[in-house]
Amino acid sequence: MKINKAKFRKEIFEDKFNGNYTHCAEALSVTPQHLHKYLTSDSEAGPNLLGGLALYCQAHHAYFWGYIFLPGHSTIVELDEQAATTEPKPAA
């Protein structure tokens, strides 16, 4: 599982935190150094950053899976958000 770095950078880091590493890192429960290394290198997000993003999305009613690539897939997971949060109907 990988974060769509370009979407994360634009929609969260830049739009929500105005490019501020300290504030964004605090919201994701990681260090500013960790966030900086992730955003400025080829490194991938580890469990701390993925978990922080999941909690941030939950707290701010953002769609976590919209920021995720899954291994073996060439595109972002595009699920209908409402369908993903709706409970299945019981069988008749």
Protein backbone atom coordinates (compact mmCIF):
# COMPACT_ATOMS: atom_id res chain seq x y z
CA MET A 1 0.00 0.00 0.00
CA LYS A 2 1.44 3.37 -1.01
CA ILE A 3 0.32 6.94 -0.59
CA ASN A 4 -0.36 8.91 -3.76
CA LYS A 5 2.40 11.39 -2.94
CA ALA A 6 1.33 14.04 -5.48
CA LYS A 7 -2.27 14.07 -4.25
CA PHE A 8 -1.18 14.06 -0.61
CA ARG A 9 1.24 16.94 -1.23
CA LYS A 10 -1.36 19.06 -3.04
CA GLU A 11 -4.55 18.39 -1.07
CA ILE A 12 -3.19 17.96 2.45
CA PHE A 13 0.34 19.35 2.77
CA GLU A 14 -0.14 22.44 0.59
CA ASP A 15 -3.90 23.13 0.71
CA LYS A 16 -4.57 22.28 4.36
CA PHE A 17 -1.23 23.19 5.96
CA ASN A 18 0.17 25.78 3.52
CA GLY A 19 3.34 23.72 3.09
CA ASN A 20 4.17 23.86 6.81
CA TYR A 21 6.05 20.69 7.78
CA THR A 22 5.62 21.22 11.52
CA HIS A 23 1.85 21.66 11.48
CA CYS A 24 1.25 18.88 8.96
CA ALA A 25 3.53 16.45 10.79
CA GLU A 26 1.81 17.21 14.08
CA ALA A 27 -1.60 16.47 12.54
CA LEU A 28 -0.26 13.14 11.23
CA SER A 29 1.55 12.23 14.48
CA VAL A 30 4.98 12.03 12.83
CA THR A 31 8.05 14.22 13.16
CA PRO A 32 8.62 17.10 10.74
CA GLN A 33 11.90 15.40 9.75
CA HIS A 34 10.03 12.20 8.87
CA LEU A 35 7.51 14.10 6.76
CA HIS A 36 10.24 16.13 5.04
CA LYS A 37 12.21 13.00 4.15
CA TYR A 38 9.08 11.37 2.74
CA LEU A 39 8.06 14.37 0.63
CA THR A 40 11.52 15.27 -0.69
CA SER A 41 12.93 11.84 -1.51
CA ASP A 42 11.97 8.58 -3.16
CA SER A 43 11.21 7.01 0.22
CA GLU A 44 7.84 5.37 0.75
CA ALA A 45 5.43 5.92 3.61
CA GLY A 46 5.82 3.51 6.48
CA PRO A 47 3.23 2.39 9.01
CA ASN A 48 3.53 5.54 11.12
CA LEU A 49 2.75 7.87 8.23
CA LEU A 50 0.04 5.59 6.82
CA GLY A 51 -1.57 5.31 10.24
CA GLY A 52 -1.31 9.04 10.79
CA LEU A 53 -2.94 9.71 7.44
CA ALA A 54 -5.74 7.24 8.24
CA LEU A 55 -6.44 8.94 11.57
CA TYR A 56 -6.23 12.41 10.02
CA CYS A 57 -8.71 11.41 7.32
CA GLN A 58 -11.08 9.91 9.88
CA ALA A 59 -10.96 13.02 12.08
CA HIS A 60 -11.45 15.40 9.13
CA HIS A 61 -14.01 13.33 7.18
CA ALA A 62 -11.63 12.85 4.28
CA TYR A 63 -11.64 9.72 2.12
CA PHE A 64 -8.46 7.83 3.09
CA TRP A 65 -8.60 5.37 0.17
CA GLY A 66 -8.54 8.27 -2.26
CA TYR A 67 -4.90 8.83 -1.23
CA ILE A 68 -3.80 5.21 -1.61
CA PHE A 69 -2.21 3.09 -4.33
CA LEU A 70 -2.38 -0.69 -3.85
CA PRO A 71 0.43 -3.04 -4.97
CA GLY A 72 -0.20 -4.59 -8.35
CA HIS A 73 -2.56 -1.81 -9.42
CA SER A 74 -1.51 0.99 -11.73
CA THR A 75 -4.21 3.42 -10.63
CA ILE A 76 -5.53 4.87 -7.44
CA VAL A 77 -8.21 2.91 -5.67
CA GLU A 78 -11.35 4.57 -6.97
CA LEU A 79 -14.24 3.40 -4.88
CA ASP A 80 -17.61 4.99 -4.52
CA GLU A 81 -17.20 6.55 -1.08
CA GLN A 82 -20.83 6.07 -0.14
CA ALA A 83 -20.82 2.44 -1.26
CA ALA A 84 -17.67 1.84 0.76
CA THR A 85 -19.29 3.16 3.94
CA THR A 86 -22.76 1.64 3.48
CA GLU A 87 -23.52 -1.56 5.35
CA PRO A 88 -24.40 -4.52 3.15
CA LYS A 89 -28.07 -5.41 2.85
CA PRO A 90 -29.10 -8.73 4.40
CA ALA A 91 -29.94 -11.57 2.04
CA ALA A 92 -33.66 -12.14 1.53
